[in-house]
Structure formats: C-alpha cells, structure tokens
N, C-alpha and C. Protein backbone atom coordinates (compact mmCIF):
# COMPACT_ATOMS: atom_id res chain seq x y z
N MET A 1 -60.15 13.17 31.79
CA MET A 1 -61.53 13.42 32.18
C MET A 1 -62.41 13.71 30.96
N GLY A 2 -61.91 14.54 30.04
CA GLY A 2 -62.65 14.80 28.82
C GLY A 2 -63.69 15.89 28.96
N VAL A 3 -64.22 16.28 27.82
CA VAL A 3 -65.27 17.28 27.74
C VAL A 3 -66.49 16.62 27.10
N TYR A 4 -67.64 16.81 27.72
CA TYR A 4 -68.88 16.22 27.23
C TYR A 4 -69.71 17.25 26.46
N TYR A 5 -70.57 16.75 25.61
CA TYR A 5 -71.52 17.65 24.96
C TYR A 5 -72.86 16.95 24.80
N GLU A 6 -73.90 17.77 24.75
CA GLU A 6 -75.23 17.31 24.37
C GLU A 6 -75.71 18.28 23.30
N ARG A 7 -76.15 17.73 22.18
CA ARG A 7 -76.53 18.55 21.04
C ARG A 7 -78.02 18.33 20.73
N ILE A 8 -78.71 19.43 20.51
CA ILE A 8 -80.10 19.37 20.03
C ILE A 8 -80.09 19.90 18.60
N VAL A 9 -80.52 19.04 17.67
CA VAL A 9 -80.54 19.41 16.25
C VAL A 9 -81.98 19.57 15.80
N ASP A 10 -82.29 20.71 15.20
CA ASP A 10 -83.58 20.93 14.56
C ASP A 10 -83.51 20.25 13.19
N VAL A 11 -84.32 19.23 12.98
CA VAL A 11 -84.26 18.48 11.72
C VAL A 11 -85.34 18.92 10.73
N GLU A 12 -86.03 20.01 11.03
CA GLU A 12 -87.09 20.49 10.14
C GLU A 12 -86.86 21.90 9.61
N ALA A 13 -86.06 22.71 10.29
CA ALA A 13 -85.91 24.11 9.90
C ALA A 13 -85.26 24.23 8.53
N THR A 14 -85.76 25.15 7.72
CA THR A 14 -85.13 25.46 6.45
C THR A 14 -83.95 26.41 6.70
N ALA A 15 -83.13 26.59 5.69
CA ALA A 15 -81.99 27.50 5.81
C ALA A 15 -82.46 28.92 6.10
N GLU A 16 -83.62 29.29 5.55
CA GLU A 16 -84.15 30.64 5.76
C GLU A 16 -84.69 30.81 7.18
N GLU A 17 -85.20 29.74 7.75
CA GLU A 17 -85.76 29.80 9.11
C GLU A 17 -84.71 29.75 10.20
N ALA A 18 -83.55 29.18 9.91
CA ALA A 18 -82.56 28.86 10.95
C ALA A 18 -82.12 30.09 11.75
N GLY A 19 -81.78 31.19 11.08
CA GLY A 19 -81.31 32.38 11.78
C GLY A 19 -82.34 32.95 12.73
N PRO A 20 -83.56 33.24 12.24
CA PRO A 20 -84.59 33.76 13.15
C PRO A 20 -84.93 32.79 14.28
N LEU A 21 -84.94 31.49 14.00
CA LEU A 21 -85.22 30.51 15.05
C LEU A 21 -84.12 30.52 16.12
N ALA A 22 -82.88 30.64 15.67
CA ALA A 22 -81.76 30.69 16.61
C ALA A 22 -81.92 31.90 17.54
N GLU A 23 -82.26 33.04 16.98
CA GLU A 23 -82.44 34.25 17.79
C GLU A 23 -83.57 34.06 18.80
N ARG A 24 -84.67 33.45 18.34
CA ARG A 24 -85.81 33.23 19.23
C ARG A 24 -85.44 32.30 20.38
N MET A 25 -84.69 31.24 20.09
CA MET A 25 -84.33 30.30 21.14
C MET A 25 -83.31 30.90 22.11
N VAL A 26 -82.39 31.68 21.60
CA VAL A 26 -81.44 32.37 22.48
C VAL A 26 -82.18 33.35 23.37
N ASP A 27 -83.10 34.12 22.81
CA ASP A 27 -83.90 35.05 23.62
C ASP A 27 -84.63 34.31 24.74
N TRP A 28 -85.22 33.16 24.42
CA TRP A 28 -85.95 32.39 25.43
C TRP A 28 -85.01 31.88 26.52
N MET A 29 -83.86 31.32 26.14
CA MET A 29 -82.94 30.79 27.15
C MET A 29 -82.34 31.90 28.01
N VAL A 30 -82.11 33.07 27.42
CA VAL A 30 -81.63 34.21 28.20
C VAL A 30 -82.71 34.65 29.19
N ALA A 31 -83.95 34.75 28.74
CA ALA A 31 -85.07 35.16 29.61
C ALA A 31 -85.25 34.17 30.76
N GLU A 32 -84.96 32.88 30.52
CA GLU A 32 -85.07 31.85 31.56
C GLU A 32 -83.86 31.82 32.47
N GLY A 33 -82.81 32.57 32.13
CA GLY A 33 -81.59 32.57 32.93
C GLY A 33 -80.71 31.36 32.69
N VAL A 34 -80.99 30.59 31.65
CA VAL A 34 -80.20 29.39 31.35
C VAL A 34 -78.85 29.78 30.74
N ILE A 35 -78.85 30.81 29.89
CA ILE A 35 -77.61 31.35 29.32
C ILE A 35 -77.62 32.86 29.45
N THR A 36 -76.47 33.46 29.20
CA THR A 36 -76.35 34.91 29.11
C THR A 36 -76.02 35.26 27.67
N ARG A 37 -75.92 36.54 27.39
CA ARG A 37 -75.53 36.95 26.03
C ARG A 37 -74.01 37.08 25.90
N ARG A 38 -73.30 36.86 26.99
CA ARG A 38 -71.83 36.92 26.92
C ARG A 38 -71.31 35.70 26.19
N MET A 39 -70.35 35.92 25.30
CA MET A 39 -69.81 34.83 24.48
C MET A 39 -68.43 34.42 24.98
N SER A 40 -68.12 33.15 24.79
CA SER A 40 -66.81 32.63 25.15
C SER A 40 -66.48 31.44 24.25
N GLY A 41 -65.19 31.26 23.99
CA GLY A 41 -64.74 30.11 23.22
C GLY A 41 -64.19 29.00 24.09
N GLU A 42 -64.14 29.23 25.42
CA GLU A 42 -63.61 28.22 26.33
C GLU A 42 -64.51 26.98 26.34
N LEU A 43 -63.90 25.82 26.16
CA LEU A 43 -64.60 24.53 26.16
C LEU A 43 -65.54 24.34 24.97
N VAL A 44 -65.43 25.17 23.95
CA VAL A 44 -66.27 25.02 22.76
C VAL A 44 -65.46 24.30 21.69
N TYR A 45 -65.94 23.12 21.28
CA TYR A 45 -65.25 22.32 20.28
C TYR A 45 -66.19 21.95 19.12
N SER A 46 -67.18 22.78 18.88
CA SER A 46 -68.12 22.53 17.80
C SER A 46 -67.41 22.63 16.45
N ARG A 47 -67.86 21.84 15.49
CA ARG A 47 -67.23 21.83 14.17
C ARG A 47 -67.47 23.14 13.41
N HIS A 48 -68.58 23.80 13.67
CA HIS A 48 -68.95 24.96 12.87
C HIS A 48 -69.24 26.20 13.71
N ALA A 49 -68.77 26.21 14.95
CA ALA A 49 -68.93 27.39 15.82
C ALA A 49 -67.73 27.46 16.76
N ASP A 50 -67.14 28.64 16.85
CA ASP A 50 -65.95 28.83 17.69
C ASP A 50 -66.29 29.35 19.08
N GLN A 51 -67.48 29.91 19.25
CA GLN A 51 -67.87 30.48 20.53
C GLN A 51 -69.30 30.07 20.87
N GLY A 52 -69.64 30.26 22.14
CA GLY A 52 -70.99 29.97 22.58
C GLY A 52 -71.41 30.92 23.69
N TYR A 53 -72.67 30.81 24.09
CA TYR A 53 -73.23 31.66 25.14
C TYR A 53 -72.91 31.08 26.51
N VAL A 54 -72.38 31.92 27.37
CA VAL A 54 -71.98 31.50 28.72
C VAL A 54 -73.22 31.15 29.54
N PRO A 55 -73.15 30.12 30.37
CA PRO A 55 -74.30 29.75 31.20
C PRO A 55 -74.79 30.92 32.06
N GLY A 56 -76.09 30.96 32.27
CA GLY A 56 -76.69 32.01 33.08
C GLY A 56 -76.85 31.59 34.53
N PRO A 57 -77.40 32.48 35.36
CA PRO A 57 -77.52 32.21 36.79
C PRO A 57 -78.43 31.04 37.13
N HIS A 58 -79.32 30.69 36.20
CA HIS A 58 -80.26 29.59 36.46
C HIS A 58 -80.04 28.42 35.50
N TRP A 59 -78.77 28.18 35.13
CA TRP A 59 -78.48 27.09 34.20
C TRP A 59 -78.96 25.74 34.73
N ALA A 60 -78.98 25.59 36.07
CA ALA A 60 -79.37 24.30 36.66
C ALA A 60 -80.82 23.94 36.35
N ARG A 61 -81.64 24.92 35.98
CA ARG A 61 -83.03 24.63 35.61
C ARG A 61 -83.12 23.73 34.38
N ALA A 62 -82.07 23.70 33.59
CA ALA A 62 -82.11 22.96 32.34
C ALA A 62 -81.62 21.52 32.47
N VAL A 63 -81.04 21.16 33.61
CA VAL A 63 -80.41 19.85 33.71
C VAL A 63 -81.16 18.93 34.67
N ALA A 64 -80.89 17.64 34.50
CA ALA A 64 -81.57 16.65 35.34
C ALA A 64 -80.97 16.62 36.74
N ASP A 65 -79.66 16.85 36.87
CA ASP A 65 -78.99 16.79 38.17
C ASP A 65 -77.79 17.72 38.14
N ALA A 66 -77.82 18.75 38.98
CA ALA A 66 -76.75 19.74 39.01
C ALA A 66 -75.82 19.53 40.20
N CYS A 67 -75.79 18.32 40.75
CA CYS A 67 -75.03 18.06 41.99
C CYS A 67 -73.55 17.78 41.76
N ASP A 68 -73.14 17.45 40.54
CA ASP A 68 -71.75 17.08 40.29
C ASP A 68 -70.85 18.30 40.37
N PRO A 69 -70.00 18.40 41.41
CA PRO A 69 -69.17 19.60 41.57
C PRO A 69 -68.08 19.71 40.50
N ASP A 70 -67.78 18.60 39.83
CA ASP A 70 -66.74 18.63 38.79
C ASP A 70 -67.29 18.98 37.41
N ARG A 71 -68.57 19.13 37.30
CA ARG A 71 -69.20 19.37 36.00
C ARG A 71 -69.55 20.84 35.87
N ARG A 72 -68.57 21.67 35.51
CA ARG A 72 -68.80 23.09 35.31
C ARG A 72 -69.29 23.31 33.88
N PRO A 73 -70.52 23.79 33.70
CA PRO A 73 -71.04 23.95 32.34
C PRO A 73 -70.22 24.94 31.52
N GLY A 74 -70.03 24.58 30.28
CA GLY A 74 -69.39 25.48 29.34
C GLY A 74 -70.44 26.25 28.55
N PRO A 75 -70.03 26.92 27.50
CA PRO A 75 -70.96 27.69 26.69
C PRO A 75 -71.92 26.81 25.88
N VAL A 76 -72.96 27.44 25.38
CA VAL A 76 -73.91 26.81 24.46
C VAL A 76 -73.63 27.40 23.07
N ALA A 77 -73.07 26.58 22.19
CA ALA A 77 -72.75 27.03 20.84
C ALA A 77 -73.94 26.80 19.93
N VAL A 78 -74.21 27.78 19.08
CA VAL A 78 -75.32 27.68 18.13
C VAL A 78 -74.75 27.60 16.72
N THR A 79 -75.12 26.55 16.00
CA THR A 79 -74.64 26.35 14.64
C THR A 79 -75.79 26.58 13.66
N ILE A 80 -75.56 27.49 12.72
CA ILE A 80 -76.54 27.79 11.69
C ILE A 80 -75.93 27.44 10.34
N GLY A 81 -76.67 26.74 9.53
CA GLY A 81 -76.19 26.35 8.21
C GLY A 81 -76.47 24.88 7.95
N ARG A 82 -76.42 24.48 6.70
CA ARG A 82 -76.68 23.09 6.33
C ARG A 82 -75.48 22.22 6.68
N HIS A 83 -75.65 21.34 7.65
CA HIS A 83 -74.56 20.48 8.10
C HIS A 83 -75.09 19.10 8.48
N HIS A 84 -74.19 18.11 8.42
CA HIS A 84 -74.51 16.82 9.03
C HIS A 84 -73.88 16.82 10.42
N HIS A 85 -74.58 16.21 11.36
CA HIS A 85 -74.15 16.19 12.75
C HIS A 85 -74.04 14.74 13.21
N VAL A 86 -72.99 14.45 13.96
CA VAL A 86 -72.78 13.10 14.47
C VAL A 86 -72.58 13.15 15.98
N GLY A 87 -73.05 12.13 16.66
CA GLY A 87 -72.89 12.04 18.10
C GLY A 87 -71.82 11.03 18.48
N GLY A 88 -71.62 10.89 19.78
CA GLY A 88 -70.66 9.91 20.29
C GLY A 88 -69.24 10.27 19.97
N GLN A 89 -68.40 9.23 19.91
CA GLN A 89 -66.99 9.42 19.59
C GLN A 89 -66.61 8.63 18.35
N GLY A 90 -67.60 8.12 17.68
CA GLY A 90 -67.32 7.16 16.63
C GLY A 90 -67.23 7.74 15.24
N SER A 91 -67.82 7.01 14.32
CA SER A 91 -67.71 7.27 12.90
C SER A 91 -68.42 8.56 12.49
N ASP A 92 -67.99 9.11 11.36
CA ASP A 92 -68.63 10.28 10.79
C ASP A 92 -69.79 9.87 9.89
N GLU A 93 -70.03 8.56 9.78
CA GLU A 93 -71.10 8.04 8.94
C GLU A 93 -72.16 7.38 9.81
N PRO A 94 -73.40 7.33 9.34
CA PRO A 94 -74.45 6.65 10.09
C PRO A 94 -74.33 5.14 9.95
N GLU A 95 -74.94 4.44 10.87
CA GLU A 95 -74.98 2.99 10.77
C GLU A 95 -75.96 2.56 9.68
N TYR A 96 -77.06 3.30 9.55
CA TYR A 96 -78.08 2.94 8.56
C TYR A 96 -78.91 4.15 8.18
N ALA A 97 -79.69 3.98 7.10
CA ALA A 97 -80.65 5.00 6.66
C ALA A 97 -81.93 4.26 6.27
N VAL A 98 -83.08 4.85 6.62
CA VAL A 98 -84.38 4.23 6.34
C VAL A 98 -85.10 5.07 5.29
N CYS A 99 -85.54 4.41 4.23
CA CYS A 99 -86.25 5.10 3.16
C CYS A 99 -87.62 5.57 3.66
N PRO A 100 -87.94 6.83 3.47
CA PRO A 100 -89.24 7.33 3.92
C PRO A 100 -90.40 6.87 3.04
N ARG A 101 -90.11 6.33 1.87
CA ARG A 101 -91.16 5.88 0.96
C ARG A 101 -91.59 4.45 1.27
N CYS A 102 -90.62 3.54 1.41
CA CYS A 102 -90.96 2.12 1.58
C CYS A 102 -90.58 1.55 2.94
N GLY A 103 -89.82 2.32 3.73
CA GLY A 103 -89.44 1.86 5.07
C GLY A 103 -88.28 0.88 5.10
N SER A 104 -87.65 0.63 3.96
CA SER A 104 -86.51 -0.29 3.93
C SER A 104 -85.28 0.35 4.57
N ARG A 105 -84.55 -0.46 5.31
CA ARG A 105 -83.34 0.01 5.96
C ARG A 105 -82.13 -0.35 5.13
N THR A 106 -81.35 0.66 4.78
CA THR A 106 -80.09 0.46 4.08
C THR A 106 -78.96 0.49 5.09
N VAL A 107 -78.25 -0.62 5.23
CA VAL A 107 -77.16 -0.72 6.21
C VAL A 107 -75.90 -0.11 5.60
N VAL A 108 -75.36 0.89 6.26
CA VAL A 108 -74.14 1.56 5.81
C VAL A 108 -72.91 0.94 6.47
N ILE A 109 -73.01 0.68 7.77
CA ILE A 109 -71.93 0.04 8.52
C ILE A 109 -72.52 -1.20 9.20
N ALA A 110 -72.02 -2.36 8.88
CA ALA A 110 -72.58 -3.62 9.37
C ALA A 110 -71.95 -3.99 10.72
N TYR A 111 -72.30 -3.18 11.76
CA TYR A 111 -71.84 -3.50 13.11
C TYR A 111 -72.44 -4.83 13.54
N PRO A 112 -71.80 -5.63 14.39
CA PRO A 112 -70.45 -5.43 14.93
C PRO A 112 -69.36 -6.05 14.07
N GLU A 113 -69.72 -6.63 12.94
CA GLU A 113 -68.71 -7.27 12.09
C GLU A 113 -67.79 -6.25 11.42
N GLU A 114 -68.33 -5.09 11.07
CA GLU A 114 -67.57 -4.05 10.39
C GLU A 114 -67.64 -2.75 11.18
N PHE A 115 -66.58 -1.95 11.04
CA PHE A 115 -66.55 -0.65 11.72
C PHE A 115 -66.33 0.50 10.75
N GLU A 116 -66.29 0.17 9.47
CA GLU A 116 -66.16 1.18 8.42
C GLU A 116 -67.36 1.06 7.49
N PRO A 117 -67.76 2.15 6.85
CA PRO A 117 -68.91 2.07 5.94
C PRO A 117 -68.59 1.26 4.69
N ASP A 118 -69.61 0.62 4.16
CA ASP A 118 -69.50 -0.02 2.85
C ASP A 118 -69.49 1.11 1.83
N GLU A 119 -68.36 1.30 1.18
CA GLU A 119 -68.19 2.46 0.31
C GLU A 119 -69.21 2.51 -0.81
N ALA A 120 -69.53 1.35 -1.39
CA ALA A 120 -70.50 1.32 -2.49
C ALA A 120 -71.88 1.75 -2.01
N VAL A 121 -72.23 1.39 -0.78
CA VAL A 121 -73.53 1.76 -0.22
C VAL A 121 -73.55 3.22 0.19
N TRP A 122 -72.45 3.69 0.84
CA TRP A 122 -72.41 5.02 1.42
C TRP A 122 -72.24 6.13 0.38
N LYS A 123 -71.55 5.86 -0.73
CA LYS A 123 -71.21 6.91 -1.68
C LYS A 123 -72.43 7.70 -2.19
N PRO A 124 -73.53 7.06 -2.60
CA PRO A 124 -74.68 7.87 -3.06
C PRO A 124 -75.23 8.79 -1.96
N PHE A 125 -75.22 8.32 -0.72
CA PHE A 125 -75.67 9.16 0.39
C PHE A 125 -74.68 10.30 0.64
N ARG A 126 -73.40 9.96 0.68
CA ARG A 126 -72.38 10.98 0.92
C ARG A 126 -72.44 12.07 -0.15
N ASP A 127 -72.58 11.66 -1.41
CA ASP A 127 -72.65 12.65 -2.50
C ASP A 127 -73.90 13.52 -2.36
N ALA A 128 -75.02 12.90 -1.97
CA ALA A 128 -76.27 13.66 -1.81
C ALA A 128 -76.16 14.64 -0.64
N ILE A 129 -75.53 14.21 0.46
CA ILE A 129 -75.35 15.08 1.62
C ILE A 129 -74.45 16.25 1.27
N THR A 130 -73.36 15.97 0.56
CA THR A 130 -72.45 17.04 0.13
C THR A 130 -73.18 18.04 -0.76
N ALA A 131 -73.97 17.54 -1.69
CA ALA A 131 -74.74 18.44 -2.57
C ALA A 131 -75.72 19.28 -1.76
N TRP A 132 -76.40 18.65 -0.79
CA TRP A 132 -77.35 19.39 0.05
C TRP A 132 -76.64 20.46 0.86
N GLU A 133 -75.49 20.12 1.44
CA GLU A 133 -74.76 21.10 2.24
C GLU A 133 -74.30 22.28 1.39
N GLU A 134 -73.97 22.02 0.14
CA GLU A 134 -73.45 23.08 -0.74
C GLU A 134 -74.54 23.87 -1.44
N THR A 135 -75.65 23.21 -1.79
CA THR A 135 -76.65 23.87 -2.63
C THR A 135 -78.06 23.89 -2.05
N GLY A 136 -78.31 23.05 -1.04
CA GLY A 136 -79.65 22.94 -0.49
C GLY A 136 -80.48 21.86 -1.16
N GLU A 137 -79.93 21.19 -2.17
CA GLU A 137 -80.62 20.11 -2.87
C GLU A 137 -79.71 18.89 -2.95
N GLY A 138 -80.25 17.74 -2.58
CA GLY A 138 -79.50 16.49 -2.69
C GLY A 138 -80.46 15.33 -2.56
N HIS A 139 -80.32 14.33 -3.43
CA HIS A 139 -81.24 13.19 -3.45
C HIS A 139 -80.44 11.89 -3.44
N ALA A 140 -80.98 10.90 -2.75
CA ALA A 140 -80.35 9.58 -2.70
C ALA A 140 -81.36 8.52 -3.11
N PRO A 141 -80.92 7.53 -3.92
CA PRO A 141 -81.84 6.49 -4.38
C PRO A 141 -82.00 5.38 -3.36
N CYS A 142 -83.18 4.83 -3.29
CA CYS A 142 -83.43 3.65 -2.46
C CYS A 142 -83.25 2.41 -3.33
N THR A 143 -82.37 1.52 -2.92
CA THR A 143 -82.13 0.31 -3.71
C THR A 143 -83.28 -0.68 -3.60
N ALA A 144 -84.15 -0.51 -2.61
CA ALA A 144 -85.27 -1.44 -2.43
C ALA A 144 -86.46 -1.08 -3.32
N CYS A 145 -86.87 0.20 -3.30
CA CYS A 145 -88.07 0.58 -4.06
C CYS A 145 -87.78 1.42 -5.29
N GLY A 146 -86.52 1.89 -5.42
CA GLY A 146 -86.15 2.66 -6.59
C GLY A 146 -86.44 4.14 -6.50
N ALA A 147 -87.09 4.60 -5.44
CA ALA A 147 -87.41 6.02 -5.30
C ALA A 147 -86.14 6.84 -5.11
N VAL A 148 -86.10 8.00 -5.70
CA VAL A 148 -85.01 8.96 -5.49
C VAL A 148 -85.55 10.02 -4.55
N VAL A 149 -85.03 10.03 -3.33
CA VAL A 149 -85.65 10.77 -2.23
C VAL A 149 -84.72 11.90 -1.76
N PRO A 150 -85.26 13.09 -1.44
CA PRO A 150 -84.40 14.13 -0.85
C PRO A 150 -83.66 13.57 0.36
N VAL A 151 -82.38 13.87 0.43
CA VAL A 151 -81.56 13.28 1.49
C VAL A 151 -82.03 13.70 2.88
N THR A 152 -82.69 14.86 2.98
CA THR A 152 -83.20 15.31 4.27
C THR A 152 -84.44 14.54 4.71
N ALA A 153 -85.05 13.78 3.79
CA ALA A 153 -86.24 13.01 4.15
C ALA A 153 -85.89 11.62 4.68
N TRP A 154 -84.67 11.16 4.42
CA TRP A 154 -84.25 9.86 4.93
C TRP A 154 -84.21 9.89 6.46
N GLN A 155 -84.50 8.77 7.07
CA GLN A 155 -84.43 8.64 8.53
C GLN A 155 -83.12 7.95 8.87
N TRP A 156 -82.31 8.62 9.70
CA TRP A 156 -80.97 8.14 10.01
C TRP A 156 -80.94 7.48 11.39
N ASP A 157 -79.87 6.73 11.63
CA ASP A 157 -79.72 6.16 12.97
C ASP A 157 -79.60 7.31 13.97
N PRO A 158 -79.86 7.06 15.26
CA PRO A 158 -79.94 8.16 16.24
C PRO A 158 -78.67 8.99 16.41
N THR A 159 -77.53 8.50 15.94
CA THR A 159 -76.28 9.25 16.12
C THR A 159 -75.96 10.17 14.95
N PHE A 160 -76.87 10.28 13.98
CA PHE A 160 -76.59 11.04 12.76
C PHE A 160 -77.81 11.90 12.43
N ALA A 161 -77.57 13.14 12.02
CA ALA A 161 -78.69 14.02 11.67
C ALA A 161 -78.25 15.06 10.66
N LEU A 162 -79.19 15.49 9.84
CA LEU A 162 -78.99 16.61 8.94
C LEU A 162 -79.86 17.75 9.45
N GLY A 163 -79.29 18.94 9.51
CA GLY A 163 -80.07 20.07 9.99
C GLY A 163 -79.40 21.38 9.71
N THR A 164 -80.19 22.45 9.75
CA THR A 164 -79.67 23.79 9.51
C THR A 164 -79.50 24.58 10.81
N LEU A 165 -79.86 23.95 11.95
CA LEU A 165 -79.78 24.64 13.23
C LEU A 165 -79.48 23.61 14.33
N ALA A 166 -78.45 23.88 15.10
CA ALA A 166 -78.08 22.96 16.19
C ALA A 166 -77.56 23.76 17.38
N PHE A 167 -77.78 23.19 18.56
CA PHE A 167 -77.36 23.82 19.82
C PHE A 167 -76.48 22.82 20.57
N ASP A 168 -75.22 23.18 20.78
CA ASP A 168 -74.27 22.31 21.50
C ASP A 168 -74.09 22.82 22.92
N PHE A 169 -74.49 22.01 23.89
CA PHE A 169 -74.32 22.33 25.30
C PHE A 169 -73.03 21.67 25.75
N TRP A 170 -71.97 22.46 25.89
CA TRP A 170 -70.65 21.92 26.18
C TRP A 170 -70.42 21.75 27.68
N ASN A 171 -70.17 20.50 28.05
CA ASN A 171 -69.81 20.11 29.42
C ASN A 171 -70.94 20.32 30.41
N TRP A 172 -72.16 20.32 29.94
CA TRP A 172 -73.31 20.42 30.83
C TRP A 172 -73.67 19.03 31.37
N PRO A 173 -74.21 18.95 32.58
CA PRO A 173 -74.83 17.69 32.99
C PRO A 173 -75.97 17.37 32.02
N PRO A 174 -76.42 16.12 31.95
CA PRO A 174 -77.51 15.79 31.02
C PRO A 174 -78.71 16.70 31.19
N LEU A 175 -79.22 17.18 30.07
CA LEU A 175 -80.39 18.05 30.09
C LEU A 175 -81.61 17.26 30.54
N SER A 176 -82.53 17.93 31.23
CA SER A 176 -83.69 17.24 31.78
C SER A 176 -84.75 17.03 30.71
N THR A 177 -85.62 16.08 30.97
CA THR A 177 -86.76 15.82 30.09
C THR A 177 -87.64 17.05 29.98
N ASP A 178 -87.87 17.74 31.12
CA ASP A 178 -88.70 18.95 31.11
C ASP A 178 -88.09 20.03 30.22
N PHE A 179 -86.75 20.17 30.28
CA PHE A 179 -86.11 21.19 29.45
C PHE A 179 -86.24 20.81 27.97
N HIS A 180 -86.03 19.55 27.65
CA HIS A 180 -86.18 19.11 26.26
C HIS A 180 -87.60 19.39 25.76
N THR A 181 -88.59 19.12 26.60
CA THR A 181 -89.98 19.36 26.22
C THR A 181 -90.23 20.84 25.97
N ALA A 182 -89.74 21.68 26.89
CA ALA A 182 -89.93 23.13 26.73
C ALA A 182 -89.16 23.65 25.52
N PHE A 183 -87.96 23.13 25.31
CA PHE A 183 -87.14 23.54 24.18
C PHE A 183 -87.87 23.25 22.86
N THR A 184 -88.36 22.03 22.72
CA THR A 184 -89.07 21.64 21.51
C THR A 184 -90.35 22.44 21.33
N HIS A 185 -91.03 22.73 22.44
CA HIS A 185 -92.26 23.53 22.38
C HIS A 185 -91.96 24.92 21.82
N HIS A 186 -90.89 25.55 22.30
CA HIS A 186 -90.56 26.89 21.83
C HIS A 186 -90.01 26.87 20.40
N LEU A 187 -89.30 25.81 20.06
CA LEU A 187 -88.77 25.69 18.71
C LEU A 187 -89.87 25.38 17.70
N GLN A 188 -90.85 24.59 18.14
CA GLN A 188 -91.98 24.19 17.30
C GLN A 188 -91.55 23.36 16.09
N HIS A 189 -90.48 22.59 16.28
CA HIS A 189 -89.98 21.70 15.24
C HIS A 189 -89.56 20.39 15.87
N ARG A 190 -89.48 19.36 15.06
CA ARG A 190 -88.98 18.07 15.51
C ARG A 190 -87.47 18.15 15.68
N THR A 191 -86.96 17.52 16.72
CA THR A 191 -85.52 17.57 17.01
C THR A 191 -84.98 16.16 17.22
N THR A 192 -83.66 16.07 17.19
CA THR A 192 -82.97 14.86 17.62
C THR A 192 -81.84 15.29 18.53
N THR A 193 -81.43 14.40 19.43
CA THR A 193 -80.41 14.73 20.43
C THR A 193 -79.22 13.80 20.30
N HIS A 194 -78.04 14.39 20.38
CA HIS A 194 -76.80 13.62 20.39
C HIS A 194 -76.05 13.89 21.69
N MET A 195 -75.36 12.88 22.18
CA MET A 195 -74.47 13.05 23.32
C MET A 195 -73.12 12.47 22.94
N GLY A 196 -72.07 13.02 23.53
CA GLY A 196 -70.74 12.51 23.23
C GLY A 196 -69.70 13.07 24.16
N LYS A 197 -68.48 12.62 23.95
CA LYS A 197 -67.35 13.03 24.79
C LYS A 197 -66.12 13.16 23.91
N LEU A 198 -65.37 14.22 24.14
CA LEU A 198 -64.11 14.42 23.42
C LEU A 198 -62.94 14.17 24.36
C-alpha cells in the first residue's frame, strides 16, 4: 500500500528566517486544529526530521477529500536548514535547471532516453548545492550566457527544490487548494509542492 507524502517547501526563506517562520506556521495550524503540539515519529520518513506534529481534531479542513477510510493522516514533519528536496519516487537530481538571467534550460537528465544525470552537466550544480548546504553560498555557471548565478536563484523542474524550510504531510489525503492558498498567505513566501510515495 505504501506511505504517501505531500511537501510544501518555502523557496524564499533565509536560514535566519526559517526557525521563526516554522514556529509561526505551527502556531497557525494548531490554532486551526489542523495539527496538535504532540509529536510522534510514526509514519515519518523525512530525510531531515524524525518526528512530526500529530494531526488535530480538524485536520480534514486542510484536505480536498477526507472520505478515504484507509487514509489515516500521519504527522506533519517540519524541516529547518539548507537542504535540497525531491518529490516522487525517482532520481535525487532534477531533470533540468533554468538560468534566471537568460532563461536557457540546462538539461540534466535527458528523459525519456536517459534516466541518469549527465555527470558533466550535473557536477557544477551538485557542487554548488553542496556548498550552499554547507556554507549558505553556492554558485553555478550558465553555459548559455556565461553568468555565474547563486544556485538558489536557478529555477528547477517541479520535482526539485532548494529551501531552508519544508513541511512534510505524511499519509494525508491531497491538501486542498484553499489550504495551500491560506498556507502561502500566512507564510508570505513563494512555495513549491512535492508529492510522492514510499
């Protein structure tokens, strides 16, 4: 049957903002009854969080359809820190990256012909991401226009994101559009969403 997740990644928060923003969002979800402050590690498989907040009495307010009797929501894990996030069940690398200066798309994995990244193409990005995760600074060159751009400014395919704050909803039914809108409004930052199954 597997365990599903839906992740909301804040792609704008700085490392300094992430902690206070996480507290603010947890406070809001607790006030809405979507989660409680009780923590649990059951059904939590996040890469950088071992526990999450147990669903609250009004968790169904956050989802599009709460009718599935087999879909018991798990905790909501909050990840703080500089990390790359991937969705789905596939690769740990993005399919492509778009230069924010010239708009050129750099293909990292040439689907459907290839299922592994082109190492020569991916290495500068991987090194920049590693540097950013470790130090907060990392830059990758654009082969089209020559610009050396902060790795956080690149636009990635929808299954890949860099961020300092992420929320993993483990085994929840799909979150509703209204909840996403309210979530982004309270966060006051641009987000991206990943879905996947383990």
